[in-house]
Amino acid sequence: MPPPLTRRDFLARSGMGLAALGLADLQASKPHHAPKAKRVIHFFLNGGPSHVDTFDPKPALARYAGKPVPSHRITERKTGAAFPSPFKFERRGQSGIEVSELFAKTAAHIDDIAVIRSMQAQVPNHEPSLMLMNCGDSIQPRPSLGAWLTYGLGSENSNLPGFIAMCPGGMPIKGAENWQAAFLPGAFQGTYVDSKHEAVDRLIENIRSPHADTSVQLRQLELLRRINAAHKAERSDPRLEARIQSFELAFRMQMEAADAFDVSQEPEHIRKMYGEGVHARQTLIARRLLERGVRMVQLWHGAGQPWDNHDNIETNHRKLSNDIDQPIAALLSDLKQRGMLEDTLVLWGGEFGRTPTVELAGGKSKLGRDHNHYGFSVWMAGGGIKGGTVHGSTDEFGFAAQENPTSIHDLHATILHLLGINHEELTYRYAGRDFRLTDVYGDVIRPILA
């Protein structure tokens, strides 16, 4: 019987030697054209932040306060008169882009940011809109953006997942479907982390074995590899391939993940810059993951849909923005100081926006806003983005996209373009046809490119 593998031997075989196991698709791949960005961080404000209270000021709402809005659209629930934003907007930076006080610290970086004010979704419901934003299709199960990115570009660190989704306190609605691989090989699915925990073995379930030390695990994994290889030789099942990869990645993560998730290694002034609380911690962890080669990190605000403020939007939106404004601003500063912002794409937004009219319950105002898919805002900064720009607009009241309406497919095409991928050429053969993230749609939003 051959001697047990050393740790070095195992890492060589399962990391650099992935091709021997048919896993070469995990390695970094050549893009279609020269990329501007290498990695993506996505702040996902699940539930739908109000664009007219954050990045799309509408002074007409004050003039029409208490009156019907001429551009009123059909909404999911009954809404009433114009509801002026309770938040103050100010012109920021040399570009003079108006930003709400809710994101005053983020606004200090407005000259690095391109705001898209003319986004459109398809329906005013969370579940399909989440799928559309994350996976490019509101109905059919399709691979997520992060899965497509790792499929197209591979991983820069074989000891960490290429795509990580952090959401404190549990999963958002639709759960793991938001970062699914769907028909792509299972290795490209996002890895979920409940970032409310601080200890590494709570952050990542089963990161360490309570029953076996490293030498025992090496022998177990080598035996498992041989059994799986023999089993696989008689079958062609991508689920088996994904399981083999999962076992090996879990072992390799034991050292690398413990280091990446340990923010206590950061200097005190960096931790203070990000601030206190779970959102500060998960944003700092995200930077540590990105600099270690993780391709995409999604930072969700929390379980459920916290930004879904149908009532008391002034109190609720203020609290939510207080959670993330400082961490976002700190990340942008930190990336810039490290020379990483120029090749890191930062994306901010939710699945849709909110109505400029007040929501009604029993004919009375709830001081909140309903879902609005007709027009809303997202912003991007960093790799390849022309900062200090605004693309598109909604109508006078903020109900619907008016100038340069922008689809989710356009947004996805632009993200892929910035990472060196032609969205029309990144395809995967499944069920007799070639699929892509943008289906048969999508144009790169060239006015926001540097």
Protein backbone atom coordinates (compact mmCIF):
# COMPACT_ATOMS: atom_id res chain seq x y z
CA MET A 1 0.00 0.00 0.00
CA PRO A 2 1.44 3.41 -0.96
CA PRO A 3 2.36 5.76 1.90
CA PRO A 4 -0.20 8.45 2.85
CA LEU A 5 -0.02 11.71 0.95
CA THR A 6 1.63 14.63 2.65
CA ARG A 7 -0.29 17.89 2.89
CA ARG A 8 1.97 19.36 0.19
CA ASP A 9 1.29 16.37 -2.08
CA PHE A 10 -2.44 16.63 -1.56
CA LEU A 11 -2.56 20.38 -2.25
CA ALA A 12 -0.48 19.87 -5.38
CA ARG A 13 -2.81 17.16 -6.60
CA SER A 14 -6.10 18.82 -5.70
CA GLY A 15 -5.05 22.40 -6.42
CA MET A 16 -2.55 22.70 -9.24
CA GLY A 17 -3.38 19.20 -10.43
CA LEU A 18 -7.08 19.74 -10.98
CA ALA A 19 -6.84 18.80 -14.64
CA ALA A 20 -6.01 15.24 -13.64
CA LEU A 21 -9.46 15.01 -12.10
CA GLY A 22 -11.18 16.68 -15.03
CA LEU A 23 -11.52 19.96 -13.14
CA ALA A 24 -9.42 22.22 -15.32
CA ASP A 25 -12.44 24.47 -15.89
CA LEU A 26 -11.87 25.93 -12.42
CA GLN A 27 -8.55 27.46 -13.42
CA ALA A 28 -8.28 31.06 -14.57
CA SER A 29 -9.28 31.41 -18.21
CA LYS A 30 -8.42 33.89 -20.93
CA PRO A 31 -11.03 36.65 -21.45
CA HIS A 32 -12.38 37.67 -24.85
CA HIS A 33 -10.75 41.11 -24.69
CA ALA A 34 -8.57 43.10 -22.33
CA PRO A 35 -10.51 43.44 -19.08
CA LYS A 36 -10.82 46.63 -17.07
CA ALA A 37 -11.88 44.75 -13.93
CA LYS A 38 -10.76 41.44 -12.43
CA ARG A 39 -13.33 41.07 -9.67
CA VAL A 40 -16.78 42.23 -8.56
CA ILE A 41 -18.33 43.22 -5.23
CA HIS A 42 -22.10 43.62 -5.24
CA PHE A 43 -23.92 45.42 -2.42
CA PHE A 44 -27.41 43.95 -2.69
CA LEU A 45 -30.05 46.02 -0.89
CA ASN A 46 -32.67 43.30 -0.97
CA GLY A 47 -36.25 44.45 -0.75
CA GLY A 48 -35.88 47.44 -3.06
CA PRO A 49 -34.37 50.76 -1.91
CA SER A 50 -36.25 53.89 -2.91
CA HIS A 51 -34.45 55.65 -5.74
CA VAL A 52 -36.31 58.93 -5.08
CA ASP A 53 -34.89 58.88 -1.53
CA THR A 54 -31.31 57.95 -2.43
CA PHE A 55 -29.82 58.73 -5.87
CA ASP A 56 -32.68 60.19 -7.96
CA PRO A 57 -33.94 63.51 -6.52
CA LYS A 58 -37.43 64.60 -7.58
CA PRO A 59 -38.27 68.15 -6.42
CA ALA A 60 -41.58 67.95 -8.33
CA LEU A 61 -42.85 65.65 -5.60
CA ALA A 62 -42.76 68.55 -3.15
CA ARG A 63 -44.77 70.72 -5.53
CA TYR A 64 -47.36 67.96 -5.96
CA ALA A 65 -47.40 66.86 -2.31
CA GLY A 66 -50.86 65.56 -1.46
CA LYS A 67 -51.93 65.66 -5.13
CA PRO A 68 -52.24 62.91 -7.77
CA VAL A 69 -49.15 62.30 -9.88
CA PRO A 70 -49.83 62.68 -13.63
CA SER A 71 -47.44 59.86 -14.55
CA HIS A 72 -49.02 57.37 -12.14
CA ARG A 73 -48.63 53.73 -13.19
CA ILE A 74 -50.41 50.57 -12.16
CA THR A 75 -48.88 49.43 -8.87
CA GLU A 76 -49.04 46.19 -6.92
CA ARG A 77 -50.95 47.85 -4.06
CA LYS A 78 -53.08 50.94 -3.88
CA THR A 79 -51.08 54.14 -3.68
CA GLY A 80 -52.20 57.73 -3.27
CA ALA A 81 -50.78 61.18 -3.80
CA ALA A 82 -47.23 62.38 -4.38
CA PHE A 83 -44.98 61.63 -1.41
CA PRO A 84 -41.99 64.04 -1.24
CA SER A 85 -38.74 62.59 0.01
CA PRO A 86 -38.17 63.31 3.72
CA PHE A 87 -34.43 63.34 3.03
CA LYS A 88 -32.28 66.24 1.90
CA PHE A 89 -30.34 66.01 -1.37
CA GLU A 90 -27.09 67.88 -1.98
CA ARG A 91 -24.75 68.27 -4.94
CA ARG A 92 -21.58 66.35 -4.27
CA GLY A 93 -18.06 66.32 -5.66
CA GLN A 94 -16.77 68.10 -8.72
CA SER A 95 -19.43 66.39 -10.81
CA GLY A 96 -22.20 68.00 -8.75
CA ILE A 97 -24.36 64.87 -8.77
CA GLU A 98 -27.16 65.12 -6.23
CA VAL A 99 -27.19 62.43 -3.55
CA SER A 100 -29.42 61.99 -0.53
CA GLU A 101 -28.21 62.52 3.01
CA LEU A 102 -28.86 58.81 3.52
CA PHE A 103 -25.59 58.12 1.68
CA ALA A 104 -23.60 61.21 2.59
CA LYS A 105 -20.39 59.24 3.25
CA THR A 106 -20.69 57.22 0.07
CA ALA A 107 -21.38 60.49 -1.78
CA ALA A 108 -17.87 61.66 -0.93
CA HIS A 109 -16.84 59.22 -3.69
CA ILE A 110 -19.43 60.35 -6.23
CA ASP A 111 -16.72 61.36 -8.70
CA ASP A 112 -15.76 57.67 -8.89
CA ILE A 113 -19.38 56.56 -9.33
CA ALA A 114 -21.65 56.22 -12.35
CA VAL A 115 -25.33 56.37 -11.38
CA ILE A 116 -27.80 54.65 -13.70
CA ARG A 117 -31.17 56.30 -13.05
CA SER A 118 -33.16 54.54 -15.76
CA MET A 119 -33.14 50.88 -14.73
CA GLN A 120 -36.21 48.78 -15.45
CA ALA A 121 -37.33 45.36 -14.24
CA GLN A 122 -40.27 43.32 -15.54
CA VAL A 123 -42.74 42.90 -12.70
CA PRO A 124 -43.29 44.49 -9.26
CA ASN A 125 -42.68 41.30 -7.26
CA HIS A 126 -39.61 40.37 -5.24
CA GLU A 127 -39.10 36.77 -6.32
CA PRO A 128 -39.04 37.22 -10.11
CA SER A 129 -37.17 40.49 -9.83
CA LEU A 130 -34.49 38.91 -7.64
CA MET A 131 -34.08 36.14 -10.21
CA LEU A 132 -33.92 38.66 -13.04
CA MET A 133 -31.29 40.80 -11.31
CA ASN A 134 -29.17 37.86 -10.20
CA CYS A 135 -29.72 35.30 -12.95
CA GLY A 136 -31.01 37.20 -15.98
CA ASP A 137 -34.39 35.43 -16.09
CA SER A 138 -37.41 36.03 -13.89
CA ILE A 139 -39.05 32.63 -14.46
CA GLN A 140 -36.73 29.83 -15.57
CA PRO A 141 -33.89 28.53 -13.37
CA ARG A 142 -30.74 30.06 -14.83
CA PRO A 143 -27.13 30.41 -13.64
CA SER A 144 -26.38 33.50 -11.57
CA LEU A 145 -24.04 36.30 -12.62
CA GLY A 146 -21.35 35.06 -10.24
CA ALA A 147 -21.64 31.53 -11.62
CA TRP A 148 -21.24 32.81 -15.19
CA LEU A 149 -18.22 34.88 -14.15
CA THR A 150 -16.43 31.95 -12.54
CA TYR A 151 -17.40 29.71 -15.46
CA GLY A 152 -16.04 32.23 -17.96
CA LEU A 153 -12.96 33.42 -16.09
CA GLY A 154 -12.14 30.66 -13.63
CA SER A 155 -10.67 31.16 -10.18
CA GLU A 156 -7.49 32.96 -9.14
CA ASN A 157 -7.27 31.02 -5.88
CA SER A 158 -7.96 27.29 -5.86
CA ASN A 159 -8.15 27.30 -2.05
CA LEU A 160 -11.21 29.58 -1.88
CA PRO A 161 -14.55 29.57 -3.70
CA GLY A 162 -14.66 31.80 -6.75
CA PHE A 163 -18.04 33.23 -5.75
CA ILE A 164 -19.18 33.98 -2.20
CA ALA A 165 -22.52 35.38 -1.00
CA MET A 166 -22.69 36.82 2.52
CA CYS A 167 -26.04 37.49 4.15
CA PRO A 168 -26.28 38.04 7.92
CA GLY A 169 -28.99 36.31 9.89
CA GLY A 170 -30.09 33.80 7.29
CA MET A 171 -30.86 33.73 3.59
CA PRO A 172 -32.80 36.28 1.52
CA ILE A 173 -36.02 35.23 -0.14
CA LYS A 174 -35.42 32.63 -2.89
CA GLY A 175 -32.41 31.49 -0.85
CA ALA A 176 -29.58 29.82 -2.73
CA GLU A 177 -31.37 30.31 -6.06
CA ASN A 178 -29.94 33.84 -5.98
CA TRP A 179 -26.42 32.46 -6.44
CA GLN A 180 -27.25 29.18 -8.18
CA ALA A 181 -25.20 27.45 -10.87
CA ALA A 182 -28.37 25.93 -12.43
CA PHE A 183 -27.25 23.90 -15.48
CA LEU A 184 -23.61 24.98 -15.18
CA PRO A 185 -21.34 22.56 -13.29
CA GLY A 186 -22.05 22.74 -9.57
CA ALA A 187 -18.55 24.03 -8.80
CA PHE A 188 -19.61 27.46 -10.04
CA GLN A 189 -22.45 27.94 -7.54
CA GLY A 190 -21.90 30.65 -4.94
CA THR A 191 -20.86 29.66 -1.43
CA TYR A 192 -23.19 31.06 1.24
CA VAL A 193 -21.80 32.58 4.44
CA ASP A 194 -23.96 33.74 7.36
CA SER A 195 -21.90 36.77 8.27
CA LYS A 196 -23.66 37.44 11.58
CA HIS A 197 -21.15 35.00 13.09
CA GLU A 198 -17.59 36.00 13.92
CA ALA A 199 -15.91 32.65 14.58
CA VAL A 200 -14.69 31.03 11.37
CA ASP A 201 -16.24 27.65 12.19
CA ARG A 202 -19.60 29.39 12.60
CA LEU A 203 -19.20 31.52 9.49
CA ILE A 204 -18.49 28.49 7.31
CA GLU A 205 -20.26 25.33 8.35
CA ASN A 206 -18.05 22.25 8.78
CA ILE A 207 -14.88 24.21 7.96
CA ARG A 208 -13.00 22.04 10.45
CA SER A 209 -13.47 18.41 11.35
CA PRO A 210 -14.13 17.81 15.06
CA HIS A 211 -13.14 14.15 14.65
CA ALA A 212 -10.04 14.04 12.48
CA ASP A 213 -6.73 15.85 12.32
CA THR A 214 -5.06 16.84 9.04
CA SER A 215 -3.23 13.56 8.50
CA VAL A 216 -6.41 11.53 9.00
CA GLN A 217 -8.36 13.81 6.67
CA LEU A 218 -5.68 13.41 4.00
CA ARG A 219 -6.03 9.63 4.11
CA GLN A 220 -9.81 9.87 4.08
CA LEU A 221 -9.86 12.23 1.13
CA GLU A 222 -7.38 10.14 -0.84
CA LEU A 223 -9.55 7.05 -0.33
CA LEU A 224 -12.66 9.04 -1.22
CA ARG A 225 -10.94 10.38 -4.35
CA ARG A 226 -10.11 6.86 -5.52
CA ILE A 227 -13.63 5.60 -4.89
CA ASN A 228 -15.19 8.58 -6.64
CA ALA A 229 -12.79 8.27 -9.58
CA ALA A 230 -13.74 4.62 -10.02
CA HIS A 231 -17.43 5.48 -9.72
CA LYS A 232 -17.09 8.36 -12.17
CA ALA A 233 -15.26 6.25 -14.74
CA GLU A 234 -18.48 4.31 -15.31
CA ARG A 235 -20.77 7.35 -15.40
CA SER A 236 -21.08 10.87 -16.72
CA ASP A 237 -22.84 12.86 -14.02
CA PRO A 238 -21.97 16.51 -13.36
CA ARG A 239 -23.37 16.18 -9.84
CA LEU A 240 -20.63 13.70 -9.00
CA GLU A 241 -18.03 16.05 -10.45
CA ALA A 242 -19.38 18.86 -8.27
CA ARG A 243 -19.30 16.67 -5.18
CA ILE A 244 -15.69 15.71 -5.76
CA GLN A 245 -14.78 19.37 -6.14
CA SER A 246 -16.70 20.30 -2.99
CA PHE A 247 -14.85 17.76 -0.83
CA GLU A 248 -11.48 18.93 -2.06
CA LEU A 249 -12.27 22.63 -1.82
CA ALA A 250 -13.55 22.17 1.73
CA PHE A 251 -10.20 20.69 2.74
CA ARG A 252 -8.14 23.38 1.02
CA MET A 253 -10.27 26.11 2.62
CA GLN A 254 -9.37 25.11 6.16
CA MET A 255 -6.24 27.24 6.24
CA GLU A 256 -7.03 29.91 3.64
CA ALA A 257 -10.55 30.74 4.84
CA ALA A 258 -9.50 30.98 8.48
CA ASP A 259 -7.01 33.64 7.43
CA ALA A 260 -9.30 35.53 5.04
CA PHE A 261 -12.19 35.82 7.48
CA ASP A 262 -10.07 36.94 10.43
CA VAL A 263 -10.47 40.73 10.42
CA SER A 264 -8.51 41.00 13.68
CA GLN A 265 -5.40 40.84 11.47
CA GLU A 266 -6.32 44.25 10.06
CA PRO A 267 -4.75 47.39 11.60
CA GLU A 268 -6.96 49.17 14.09
CA HIS A 269 -7.28 52.27 11.90
CA ILE A 270 -8.67 50.15 9.05
CA ARG A 271 -11.24 48.49 11.32
CA LYS A 272 -12.26 51.91 12.64
CA MET A 273 -12.60 53.22 9.09
CA TYR A 274 -15.16 50.51 8.29
CA GLY A 275 -16.99 51.03 11.58
CA GLU A 276 -18.85 48.74 13.94
CA GLY A 277 -21.39 46.00 13.33
CA VAL A 278 -21.97 43.10 10.99
CA HIS A 279 -22.07 45.16 7.79
CA ALA A 280 -18.74 46.77 8.54
CA ARG A 281 -17.23 43.36 9.28
CA GLN A 282 -18.62 41.61 6.22
CA THR A 283 -17.50 44.46 3.95
CA LEU A 284 -13.97 44.26 5.34
CA ILE A 285 -14.02 40.47 4.92
CA ALA A 286 -15.15 41.01 1.33
CA ARG A 287 -12.09 43.15 0.62
CA ARG A 288 -9.86 40.47 2.12
CA LEU A 289 -11.50 37.83 -0.07
CA LEU A 290 -11.18 39.92 -3.22
CA GLU A 291 -7.48 40.55 -2.67
CA ARG A 292 -7.01 36.79 -2.26
CA GLY A 293 -8.44 36.07 -5.68
CA VAL A 294 -12.16 35.51 -5.10
CA ARG A 295 -13.88 36.53 -8.32
CA MET A 296 -17.17 37.85 -6.94
CA VAL A 297 -18.55 38.68 -3.50
CA GLN A 298 -22.18 39.57 -2.91
CA LEU A 299 -23.05 41.43 0.28
CA TRP A 300 -26.72 41.14 1.15
CA HIS A 301 -28.24 43.47 3.70
CA GLY A 302 -29.95 40.68 5.61
CA ALA A 303 -32.47 37.86 5.62
CA GLY A 304 -35.83 38.41 3.97
CA GLN A 305 -36.17 41.80 2.32
CA PRO A 306 -35.14 44.52 4.82
CA TRP A 307 -35.42 47.41 2.31
CA ASP A 308 -39.05 46.54 1.55
CA ASN A 309 -40.38 49.57 3.42
CA HIS A 310 -44.10 49.78 2.73
CA ASP A 311 -44.53 51.92 5.82
CA ASN A 312 -42.55 54.48 7.81
CA ILE A 313 -39.89 54.80 5.13
CA GLU A 314 -38.20 57.76 6.82
CA THR A 315 -37.28 55.79 9.94
CA ASN A 316 -36.62 52.48 8.20
CA HIS A 317 -34.54 53.75 5.28
CA ARG A 318 -32.49 55.93 7.64
CA LYS A 319 -31.68 52.97 9.88
CA LEU A 320 -30.79 50.73 6.95
CA SER A 321 -28.56 53.29 5.28
CA ASN A 322 -26.78 53.90 8.60
CA ASP A 323 -25.84 50.22 8.53
CA ILE A 324 -23.99 50.39 5.22
CA ASP A 325 -23.10 53.98 4.29
CA GLN A 326 -19.84 54.05 6.25
CA PRO A 327 -18.72 50.53 5.22
CA ILE A 328 -19.35 51.30 1.53
CA ALA A 329 -17.42 54.57 1.75
CA ALA A 330 -14.62 52.82 3.64
CA LEU A 331 -14.39 50.10 1.03
CA LEU A 332 -14.10 52.62 -1.80
CA SER A 333 -11.35 54.47 0.11
CA ASP A 334 -9.59 51.24 1.04
CA LEU A 335 -9.63 49.87 -2.50
CA LYS A 336 -8.31 53.15 -3.87
CA GLN A 337 -5.49 53.29 -1.31
CA ARG A 338 -4.46 49.75 -2.22
CA GLY A 339 -4.61 50.38 -5.97
CA MET A 340 -7.46 47.86 -6.25
CA LEU A 341 -10.33 50.15 -7.22
CA GLU A 342 -9.02 50.46 -10.76
CA ASP A 343 -9.61 46.74 -11.37
CA THR A 344 -12.46 46.04 -8.94
CA LEU A 345 -16.03 46.66 -10.07
CA VAL A 346 -18.35 47.81 -7.28
CA LEU A 347 -22.11 47.46 -7.87
CA TRP A 348 -24.86 48.88 -5.62
CA GLY A 349 -28.63 48.37 -5.86
CA GLY A 350 -31.68 46.22 -5.21
CA GLU A 351 -34.13 44.27 -7.35
CA PHE A 352 -36.29 47.33 -8.13
CA GLY A 353 -37.20 50.76 -6.78
CA ARG A 354 -40.20 52.23 -4.99
CA THR A 355 -43.12 54.42 -5.95
CA PRO A 356 -43.00 58.21 -5.68
CA THR A 357 -46.56 57.98 -4.35
CA VAL A 358 -47.52 57.03 -0.83
CA GLU A 359 -48.82 53.54 -0.11
CA LEU A 360 -52.34 53.30 1.31
CA ALA A 361 -53.89 50.79 3.68
CA GLY A 362 -57.61 51.08 4.21
CA GLY A 363 -57.48 54.42 2.43
CA LYS A 364 -54.92 55.81 4.89
CA SER A 365 -51.26 56.64 4.34
CA LYS A 366 -48.65 54.30 5.78
CA LEU A 367 -45.85 56.80 5.08
CA GLY A 368 -44.16 54.18 2.92
CA ARG A 369 -43.76 53.32 -0.74
CA ASP A 370 -44.83 50.35 -2.85
CA HIS A 371 -42.68 48.33 -5.28
CA ASN A 372 -41.74 50.08 -8.52
CA HIS A 373 -40.20 48.20 -11.44
CA TYR A 374 -40.87 50.92 -14.03
CA GLY A 375 -37.79 52.94 -13.09
CA PHE A 376 -35.09 52.80 -10.43
CA SER A 377 -31.38 53.40 -9.79
CA VAL A 378 -28.22 51.38 -9.40
CA TRP A 379 -24.65 52.61 -9.40
CA MET A 380 -21.24 51.24 -10.30
CA ALA A 381 -17.72 52.34 -9.47
CA GLY A 382 -14.20 51.15 -10.07
CA GLY A 383 -12.75 49.07 -12.88
CA GLY A 384 -13.52 50.67 -16.23
CA ILE A 385 -16.30 52.97 -14.99
CA LYS A 386 -16.40 56.67 -15.88
CA GLY A 387 -16.92 58.24 -12.48
CA GLY A 388 -19.00 61.33 -11.85
CA THR A 389 -21.56 60.41 -14.50
CA VAL A 390 -25.32 59.90 -14.60
CA HIS A 391 -26.88 57.67 -17.22
CA GLY A 392 -30.56 57.94 -18.10
CA SER A 393 -33.39 59.43 -16.10
CA THR A 394 -36.87 58.76 -14.84
CA ASP A 395 -39.81 61.07 -15.48
CA GLU A 396 -40.38 64.25 -13.50
CA PHE A 397 -41.77 62.31 -10.55
CA GLY A 398 -39.59 59.20 -10.65
CA PHE A 399 -42.25 56.74 -11.66
CA ALA A 400 -40.75 55.34 -14.87
CA ALA A 401 -37.54 55.33 -16.89
CA GLN A 402 -37.74 58.02 -19.55
CA GLU A 403 -34.33 58.79 -21.03
CA ASN A 404 -32.14 55.83 -22.03
CA PRO A 405 -34.23 53.05 -20.44
CA THR A 406 -31.82 50.39 -19.25
CA SER A 407 -32.65 46.70 -18.83
CA ILE A 408 -31.09 44.19 -16.47
CA HIS A 409 -29.68 42.50 -19.59
CA ASP A 410 -27.89 45.76 -20.47
CA LEU A 411 -26.47 45.91 -16.94
CA HIS A 412 -25.25 42.31 -17.12
CA ALA A 413 -23.76 42.84 -20.59
CA THR A 414 -21.85 45.83 -19.23
CA ILE A 415 -20.53 43.97 -16.19
CA LEU A 416 -19.32 41.09 -18.37
CA HIS A 417 -17.74 43.54 -20.83
CA LEU A 418 -15.78 45.22 -18.06
CA LEU A 419 -14.40 41.83 -17.02
CA GLY A 420 -13.27 41.11 -20.57
CA ILE A 421 -16.22 38.96 -21.63
CA ASN A 422 -18.37 39.39 -24.73
CA HIS A 423 -21.82 38.55 -23.36
CA GLU A 424 -22.90 37.15 -26.73
CA GLU A 425 -20.02 34.67 -26.79
CA LEU A 426 -20.11 33.33 -23.23
CA THR A 427 -22.49 30.41 -23.75
CA TYR A 428 -23.20 26.96 -22.37
CA ARG A 429 -24.87 24.14 -24.30
CA TYR A 430 -27.87 22.78 -22.42
CA ALA A 431 -31.09 21.02 -23.49
CA GLY A 432 -30.23 21.36 -27.16
CA ARG A 433 -29.46 25.07 -27.29
CA ASP A 434 -26.79 27.56 -26.32
CA PHE A 435 -27.64 29.65 -23.26
CA ARG A 436 -26.07 32.87 -22.04
CA LEU A 437 -26.61 35.21 -19.09
CA THR A 438 -28.28 37.85 -21.26
CA ASP A 439 -30.36 35.34 -23.28
CA VAL A 440 -30.93 37.12 -26.65
CA TYR A 441 -30.85 40.67 -25.26
CA GLY A 442 -28.49 43.23 -23.84
CA ASP A 443 -26.34 46.13 -24.99
CA VAL A 444 -23.23 47.40 -23.23
CA ILE A 445 -23.92 50.78 -21.57
CA ARG A 446 -21.02 52.54 -23.28
CA PRO A 447 -21.63 56.11 -21.96
CA ILE A 448 -20.57 55.00 -18.46
CA LEU A 449 -17.33 53.36 -19.62
CA ALA A 450 -14.05 55.16 -19.00
